[in-house]
Amino acid sequence: MLPKLAKIGDLPFEEKLTAKKEKFIESAHIKIMEKRSLILGFHL
């Protein structure tokens, strides 16, 4: 496991890509959840 404090700039190339992908997926997931909650009439 990587130490939590490692910055993305410190990571090897493949891990940088993975971290970017995970961030992208995470933000996309949050957006989807926000849309769903708006449709259902809930607020986060």
C-alpha atoms as a PDB file:
ATOM      1  CA  MET A   1       0.000   0.000   0.000  1.00  0.00           C
ATOM      2  CA  LEU A   2       1.056   3.574  -0.629  1.00  0.00           C
ATOM      3  CA  PRO A   3       1.465   5.915   2.291  1.00  0.00           C
ATOM      4  CA  LYS A   4      -1.566   8.210   2.491  1.00  0.00           C
ATOM      5  CA  LEU A   5       0.594  11.330   2.284  1.00  0.00           C
ATOM      6  CA  ALA A   6       2.174  10.443  -1.060  1.00  0.00           C
ATOM      7  CA  LYS A   7       1.401  13.173  -3.566  1.00  0.00           C
ATOM      8  CA  ILE A   8       0.346  12.178  -7.076  1.00  0.00           C
ATOM      9  CA  GLY A   9       3.550  13.776  -8.393  1.00  0.00           C
ATOM     10  CA  ASP A  10       5.613  11.299  -6.334  1.00  0.00           C
ATOM     11  CA  LEU A  11       3.969   8.215  -7.801  1.00  0.00           C
ATOM     12  CA  PRO A  12       5.299   6.007 -10.602  1.00  0.00           C
ATOM     13  CA  PHE A  13       3.601   6.471 -13.969  1.00  0.00           C
ATOM     14  CA  GLU A  14       1.143   3.549 -13.801  1.00  0.00           C
ATOM     15  CA  GLU A  15       0.105   4.510 -10.306  1.00  0.00           C
ATOM     16  CA  LYS A  16      -0.412   8.111 -11.422  1.00  0.00           C
ATOM     17  CA  LEU A  17      -2.786   6.884 -14.109  1.00  0.00           C
ATOM     18  CA  THR A  18      -4.621   4.688 -11.633  1.00  0.00           C
ATOM     19  CA  ALA A  19      -4.914   7.530  -9.136  1.00  0.00           C
ATOM     20  CA  LYS A  20      -6.254   9.854 -11.841  1.00  0.00           C
ATOM     21  CA  LYS A  21      -8.717   7.207 -12.980  1.00  0.00           C
ATOM     22  CA  GLU A  22      -9.873   6.591  -9.422  1.00  0.00           C
ATOM     23  CA  LYS A  23     -10.330  10.320  -8.848  1.00  0.00           C
ATOM     24  CA  PHE A  24     -12.253  10.618 -12.107  1.00  0.00           C
ATOM     25  CA  ILE A  25     -14.457   7.633 -11.270  1.00  0.00           C
ATOM     26  CA  GLU A  26     -15.010   8.971  -7.761  1.00  0.00           C
ATOM     27  CA  SER A  27     -16.082  12.426  -8.999  1.00  0.00           C
ATOM     28  CA  ALA A  28     -18.242  10.886 -11.718  1.00  0.00           C
ATOM     29  CA  HIS A  29     -19.873   8.669  -9.089  1.00  0.00           C
ATOM     30  CA  ILE A  30     -20.528  11.695  -6.867  1.00  0.00           C
ATOM     31  CA  LYS A  31     -22.111  13.547  -9.813  1.00  0.00           C
ATOM     32  CA  ILE A  32     -24.325  10.558 -10.592  1.00  0.00           C
ATOM     33  CA  MET A  33     -25.391  10.315  -6.952  1.00  0.00           C
ATOM     34  CA  GLU A  34     -26.154  14.046  -6.886  1.00  0.00           C
ATOM     35  CA  LYS A  35     -28.288  13.740 -10.025  1.00  0.00           C
ATOM     36  CA  ARG A  36     -30.111  10.757  -8.573  1.00  0.00           C
ATOM     37  CA  SER A  37     -30.769  12.546  -5.314  1.00  0.00           C
ATOM     38  CA  LEU A  38     -32.065  15.598  -7.215  1.00  0.00           C
ATOM     39  CA  ILE A  39     -34.384  13.393  -9.257  1.00  0.00           C
ATOM     40  CA  LEU A  40     -35.630  11.736  -6.078  1.00  0.00           C
ATOM     41  CA  GLY A  41     -36.016  15.116  -4.402  1.00  0.00           C
ATOM     42  CA  PHE A  42     -33.363  14.587  -1.725  1.00  0.00           C
ATOM     43  CA  HIS A  43     -30.559  16.989  -0.892  1.00  0.00           C
ATOM     44  CA  LEU A  44     -27.127  15.882   0.223  1.00  0.00           C
END
